[in-house]
N, C-alpha and C. Protein backbone atom coordinates (compact mmCIF):
# COMPACT_ATOMS: atom_id res chain seq x y z
N MET A 1 -87.27 -237.89 53.63
CA MET A 1 -87.81 -239.19 54.51
C MET A 1 -86.78 -240.08 54.66
N PRO A 2 -86.67 -240.55 55.44
CA PRO A 2 -85.72 -241.74 55.62
C PRO A 2 -85.54 -243.15 54.31
N THR A 3 -84.62 -243.18 54.07
CA THR A 3 -84.03 -244.26 52.85
C THR A 3 -84.46 -243.59 51.29
N GLY A 4 -84.57 -242.37 51.63
CA GLY A 4 -85.34 -241.73 50.03
C GLY A 4 -84.31 -240.97 49.71
N GLU A 5 -83.10 -240.88 49.83
CA GLU A 5 -81.88 -239.99 49.63
C GLU A 5 -81.82 -240.13 47.69
N HIS A 6 -82.07 -240.88 47.54
CA HIS A 6 -81.88 -240.98 45.87
C HIS A 6 -83.26 -240.23 45.46
N TYR A 7 -84.30 -240.00 45.92
CA TYR A 7 -85.33 -239.41 45.19
C TYR A 7 -84.70 -238.15 45.25
N ALA A 8 -84.89 -237.52 46.20
CA ALA A 8 -84.49 -236.13 46.63
C ALA A 8 -83.19 -235.85 45.88
N ALA A 9 -82.22 -236.59 46.08
CA ALA A 9 -81.27 -235.98 44.94
C ALA A 9 -81.40 -235.92 43.46
N THR A 10 -82.25 -236.80 42.97
CA THR A 10 -82.99 -236.70 41.48
C THR A 10 -83.57 -235.26 41.49
N LYS A 11 -84.68 -235.41 42.47
CA LYS A 11 -85.52 -233.91 42.31
C LYS A 11 -84.60 -232.56 42.16
N ALA A 12 -83.74 -232.79 43.11
CA ALA A 12 -82.54 -231.63 43.14
C ALA A 12 -81.83 -231.36 41.89
N GLY A 13 -81.79 -232.52 41.25
CA GLY A 13 -80.80 -232.62 40.12
C GLY A 13 -81.82 -231.58 38.94
N VAL A 14 -82.97 -232.28 38.96
CA VAL A 14 -84.16 -231.57 37.94
C VAL A 14 -84.05 -230.30 38.13
N LEU A 15 -84.39 -229.71 39.17
CA LEU A 15 -84.58 -228.14 39.82
C LEU A 15 -82.97 -227.53 39.08
N SER A 16 -82.13 -228.11 39.45
CA SER A 16 -81.19 -227.42 39.18
C SER A 16 -80.71 -227.39 37.42
N ILE A 17 -81.28 -228.54 36.95
CA ILE A 17 -81.21 -228.38 35.47
C ILE A 17 -82.35 -227.25 34.60
N VAL A 18 -83.70 -227.21 35.21
CA VAL A 18 -84.49 -226.38 35.42
C VAL A 18 -84.35 -224.90 35.39
N ARG A 19 -83.56 -224.60 36.30
CA ARG A 19 -83.07 -223.32 36.38
C ARG A 19 -81.60 -222.86 35.72
N ALA A 20 -81.00 -223.86 35.28
CA ALA A 20 -79.89 -223.49 34.36
C ALA A 20 -80.64 -223.62 32.84
N MET A 21 -81.28 -224.15 32.38
CA MET A 21 -82.14 -224.12 31.20
C MET A 21 -82.75 -222.59 31.00
N ALA A 22 -83.68 -222.25 32.37
CA ALA A 22 -84.28 -220.35 32.12
C ALA A 22 -82.93 -219.85 31.93
N VAL A 23 -81.98 -219.84 32.36
CA VAL A 23 -80.81 -218.82 32.03
C VAL A 23 -80.65 -218.80 30.79
N GLU A 24 -79.61 -220.07 30.46
CA GLU A 24 -79.39 -220.48 28.70
C GLU A 24 -80.29 -220.18 27.87
N TYR A 25 -81.67 -220.23 27.83
CA TYR A 25 -82.55 -220.48 27.17
C TYR A 25 -83.64 -219.27 26.64
N ALA A 26 -83.80 -218.21 27.68
CA ALA A 26 -84.59 -217.50 27.70
C ALA A 26 -84.32 -216.36 26.88
N ARG A 27 -83.15 -216.16 25.88
CA ARG A 27 -82.85 -215.11 25.28
C ARG A 27 -83.64 -216.02 23.80
N TYR A 28 -83.37 -216.80 23.97
CA TYR A 28 -84.55 -217.52 22.72
C TYR A 28 -85.72 -217.78 22.66
N GLY A 29 -86.31 -217.16 23.76
CA GLY A 29 -88.08 -217.20 24.19
C GLY A 29 -87.97 -218.44 24.82
N ILE A 30 -87.26 -219.16 25.66
CA ILE A 30 -87.73 -220.44 25.75
C ILE A 30 -87.89 -220.47 27.34
N ARG A 31 -88.89 -220.80 27.68
CA ARG A 31 -89.13 -220.94 29.03
C ARG A 31 -88.92 -222.17 29.72
N ALA A 32 -88.16 -222.26 30.93
CA ALA A 32 -88.11 -223.48 31.76
C ALA A 32 -88.73 -223.45 33.38
N ASN A 33 -89.90 -224.46 33.60
CA ASN A 33 -90.19 -224.13 34.57
C ASN A 33 -90.73 -225.62 35.23
N ALA A 34 -90.69 -225.99 36.76
CA ALA A 34 -90.61 -227.26 36.95
C ALA A 34 -91.98 -227.66 37.88
N ILE A 35 -92.82 -228.31 37.96
CA ILE A 35 -94.26 -228.76 38.68
C ILE A 35 -93.46 -229.70 39.60
N MET A 36 -93.35 -229.44 40.79
CA MET A 36 -92.95 -230.06 41.89
C MET A 36 -94.60 -230.75 42.55
N PRO A 37 -94.80 -232.28 42.53
CA PRO A 37 -96.19 -232.92 42.86
C PRO A 37 -95.36 -232.94 44.01
N GLY A 38 -96.58 -233.19 45.07
CA GLY A 38 -96.80 -233.75 46.46
C GLY A 38 -96.96 -235.02 46.13
N TRP A 39 -97.57 -235.69 47.33
CA TRP A 39 -98.07 -236.94 47.33
C TRP A 39 -99.81 -237.13 46.17
N ILE A 40 -99.09 -237.64 45.50
CA ILE A 40 -100.24 -237.87 44.08
C ILE A 40 -100.30 -239.92 43.84
N GLU A 41 -101.50 -239.94 43.93
CA GLU A 41 -102.55 -241.18 43.78
C GLU A 41 -102.14 -241.41 42.11
N THR A 42 -101.18 -242.31 42.16
CA THR A 42 -100.59 -243.01 41.03
C THR A 42 -100.11 -244.79 41.01
N ASN A 43 -99.95 -244.86 40.04
CA ASN A 43 -99.88 -246.42 40.03
C ASN A 43 -98.51 -246.85 41.16
N MET A 44 -97.73 -245.73 40.98
CA MET A 44 -96.20 -245.80 41.56
C MET A 44 -96.51 -245.76 43.21
N THR A 45 -97.40 -244.69 43.59
CA THR A 45 -97.56 -244.45 45.17
C THR A 45 -98.83 -245.52 45.93
N ALA A 46 -99.63 -246.43 44.82
CA ALA A 46 -100.66 -247.13 45.63
C ALA A 46 -100.34 -247.93 46.37
N PRO A 47 -99.19 -248.44 46.60
CA PRO A 47 -99.22 -249.43 47.70
C PRO A 47 -98.69 -248.31 49.01
N LEU A 48 -98.52 -247.25 49.08
CA LEU A 48 -98.07 -246.75 50.09
C LEU A 48 -99.97 -246.14 50.52
N PHE A 49 -100.32 -245.72 49.73
CA PHE A 49 -101.65 -245.35 50.19
C PHE A 49 -102.37 -246.72 50.68
N GLU A 50 -102.13 -247.99 50.17
CA GLU A 50 -102.92 -248.70 50.86
C GLU A 50 -102.71 -249.55 52.33
N ASN A 51 -101.44 -248.57 52.33
CA ASN A 51 -101.40 -248.96 54.05
C ASN A 51 -101.38 -248.20 55.20
N GLU A 52 -102.68 -248.59 55.80
CA GLU A 52 -103.50 -247.78 56.68
C GLU A 52 -102.59 -246.49 57.38
N LYS A 53 -101.37 -247.55 58.13
CA LYS A 53 -100.52 -246.85 58.89
C LYS A 53 -99.65 -245.11 58.46
N PHE A 54 -99.44 -245.56 57.10
CA PHE A 54 -98.70 -244.69 56.52
C PHE A 54 -99.77 -243.51 55.86
N GLU A 55 -100.98 -244.13 55.82
CA GLU A 55 -102.17 -243.06 55.50
C GLU A 55 -102.61 -242.02 56.17
N LYS A 56 -102.87 -242.89 57.83
CA LYS A 56 -103.30 -242.04 58.44
C LYS A 56 -101.94 -241.16 59.09
N SER A 57 -100.90 -241.34 59.12
CA SER A 57 -99.63 -240.53 59.66
C SER A 57 -99.61 -239.57 58.56
N MET A 58 -99.52 -239.83 57.32
CA MET A 58 -99.53 -238.91 56.03
C MET A 58 -100.60 -237.68 55.91
N MET A 59 -102.05 -238.29 56.56
CA MET A 59 -102.92 -237.68 55.92
C MET A 59 -102.74 -236.26 56.93
N LYS A 60 -102.42 -236.41 58.44
CA LYS A 60 -102.09 -235.46 59.25
C LYS A 60 -101.57 -234.21 58.54
N ARG A 61 -100.69 -234.31 58.34
CA ARG A 61 -99.99 -233.38 57.48
C ARG A 61 -99.98 -232.85 56.05
N LEU A 62 -101.08 -233.34 55.63
CA LEU A 62 -102.28 -232.76 54.62
C LEU A 62 -103.30 -231.81 55.08
N PRO A 63 -102.85 -230.30 54.76
CA PRO A 63 -103.93 -229.19 55.12
C PRO A 63 -105.25 -229.48 54.36
N GLN A 64 -105.28 -229.91 53.29
CA GLN A 64 -106.03 -230.17 52.28
C GLN A 64 -106.87 -231.97 52.40
N ARG A 65 -106.10 -232.54 53.46
CA ARG A 65 -106.87 -233.57 54.03
C ARG A 65 -107.16 -234.43 52.80
N ARG A 66 -106.29 -234.84 51.50
CA ARG A 66 -106.78 -235.19 50.72
C ARG A 66 -105.82 -235.48 49.74
N TRP A 67 -105.11 -237.13 49.04
CA TRP A 67 -104.38 -237.17 47.90
C TRP A 67 -104.57 -236.30 46.63
N GLY A 68 -103.32 -235.84 46.69
CA GLY A 68 -103.46 -235.45 44.93
C GLY A 68 -103.76 -236.28 44.12
N VAL A 69 -104.22 -235.87 42.92
CA VAL A 69 -104.85 -236.77 41.73
C VAL A 69 -103.92 -236.32 41.01
N PRO A 70 -103.85 -236.64 39.82
CA PRO A 70 -103.28 -236.52 38.39
C PRO A 70 -104.02 -235.30 38.01
N LYS A 71 -105.31 -234.90 37.77
CA LYS A 71 -106.33 -233.77 37.20
C LYS A 71 -105.78 -232.53 38.10
N ASP A 72 -105.41 -232.39 39.17
CA ASP A 72 -104.99 -231.47 40.16
C ASP A 72 -103.70 -230.58 39.00
N PHE A 73 -102.81 -231.25 38.30
CA PHE A 73 -102.17 -230.54 37.62
C PHE A 73 -101.94 -229.84 36.17
N GLY A 74 -103.36 -230.30 35.66
CA GLY A 74 -103.80 -229.70 33.95
C GLY A 74 -103.59 -228.14 34.15
N PRO A 75 -104.67 -227.79 34.85
CA PRO A 75 -104.95 -225.96 35.06
C PRO A 75 -102.93 -225.53 35.17
N ILE A 76 -102.30 -225.54 35.90
CA ILE A 76 -100.75 -225.40 35.92
C ILE A 76 -100.36 -225.20 34.51
N ALA A 77 -100.42 -226.88 34.24
CA ALA A 77 -99.54 -226.96 32.91
C ALA A 77 -100.16 -226.14 31.75
N VAL A 78 -101.52 -226.03 31.73
CA VAL A 78 -102.09 -225.04 30.98
C VAL A 78 -101.80 -223.44 30.77
N TYR A 79 -101.69 -223.12 32.12
CA TYR A 79 -100.89 -222.03 32.41
C TYR A 79 -99.43 -221.81 31.84
N LEU A 80 -98.63 -222.62 32.27
CA LEU A 80 -97.40 -222.58 31.74
C LEU A 80 -96.97 -222.51 30.44
N THR A 81 -97.88 -223.24 29.88
CA THR A 81 -97.49 -223.76 28.00
C THR A 81 -98.51 -222.43 27.40
N SER A 82 -99.44 -221.32 28.32
CA SER A 82 -99.86 -220.34 27.69
C SER A 82 -98.71 -219.17 27.59
N ASP A 83 -99.36 -218.12 26.63
CA ASP A 83 -98.87 -217.01 26.83
C ASP A 83 -99.04 -216.05 27.89
N ALA A 84 -100.20 -216.47 29.04
CA ALA A 84 -99.92 -215.81 30.44
C ALA A 84 -98.94 -216.12 31.33
N SER A 85 -97.89 -217.30 30.87
CA SER A 85 -96.83 -217.30 31.56
C SER A 85 -95.68 -216.57 31.01
N ALA A 86 -95.62 -215.95 29.63
CA ALA A 86 -94.77 -215.78 28.70
C ALA A 86 -93.55 -215.12 29.56
N TYR A 87 -93.72 -214.62 30.65
CA TYR A 87 -92.79 -214.01 31.57
C TYR A 87 -92.24 -214.58 33.00
N HIS A 88 -92.59 -216.26 33.11
CA HIS A 88 -92.30 -216.48 34.35
C HIS A 88 -91.28 -217.87 33.70
N THR A 89 -90.04 -217.90 34.22
CA THR A 89 -89.25 -218.80 33.89
C THR A 89 -88.38 -219.23 35.04
N GLY A 90 -87.93 -220.22 35.31
CA GLY A 90 -86.62 -220.84 36.14
C GLY A 90 -87.45 -220.89 37.64
N ASP A 91 -89.01 -221.23 37.56
CA ASP A 91 -89.55 -221.62 38.96
C ASP A 91 -89.89 -222.67 38.60
N ALA A 92 -89.80 -223.12 40.31
CA ALA A 92 -90.55 -224.74 40.62
C ALA A 92 -91.63 -224.36 41.75
N ILE A 93 -92.82 -224.52 40.84
CA ILE A 93 -94.42 -224.71 41.49
C ILE A 93 -94.63 -225.82 42.27
N THR A 94 -94.76 -225.72 43.33
CA THR A 94 -95.23 -227.12 43.96
C THR A 94 -96.93 -227.11 44.06
N ILE A 95 -97.39 -227.98 43.56
CA ILE A 95 -98.51 -228.43 44.21
C ILE A 95 -98.64 -229.68 44.96
N ASP A 96 -98.39 -229.42 46.26
CA ASP A 96 -98.90 -230.74 46.93
C ASP A 96 -99.97 -230.45 48.13
N GLY A 97 -100.89 -229.87 48.26
CA GLY A 97 -102.45 -229.85 48.65
C GLY A 97 -101.55 -229.05 50.03
N GLY A 98 -100.85 -228.02 50.18
CA GLY A 98 -99.91 -227.68 51.53
C GLY A 98 -98.88 -228.37 52.10
N PHE A 99 -98.78 -229.75 51.64
CA PHE A 99 -97.90 -230.47 52.76
C PHE A 99 -96.73 -229.80 52.88
N SER A 100 -95.78 -229.40 52.17
CA SER A 100 -94.68 -228.42 52.59
C SER A 100 -95.06 -227.23 53.37
N CYS A 101 -95.58 -226.95 53.69
CA CYS A 101 -96.17 -225.99 54.70
C CYS A 101 -96.29 -226.50 55.92
N SER A 102 -96.68 -227.50 56.16
CA SER A 102 -96.82 -228.34 57.43
C SER A 102 -95.99 -228.37 58.09
C-alpha cells in the first residue's frame, strides 16, 4: 500500500522475531506463532471504513465481502494456546477473509 512502508516493515520484523523465537525456545516447550490480521474494524481503522471510496474499492478484493471484526480471532487464539497446537510453532496464520488470495 502506498505510504505504508513503515507498517510493512514492522509486520516483517514481527514475523522474523516470531520465527527466531520459535527456533530458540522450542527446546523449552515454548511455541511462538503470529496471527496476521487483514482489514479489521477497530478504532484505528474506523476513519478508513467511513471513507466510501475506500470501502467500495477494498470490498471488491474481500472474497467474504465483509470487514473482519475482533471476535474473528478468538477461535484461532484458543487453538494456539491449547494442547491442540502442541506441535505448531514458527507459523504466521493469516486471518483476512481471503484478501491475501485476491
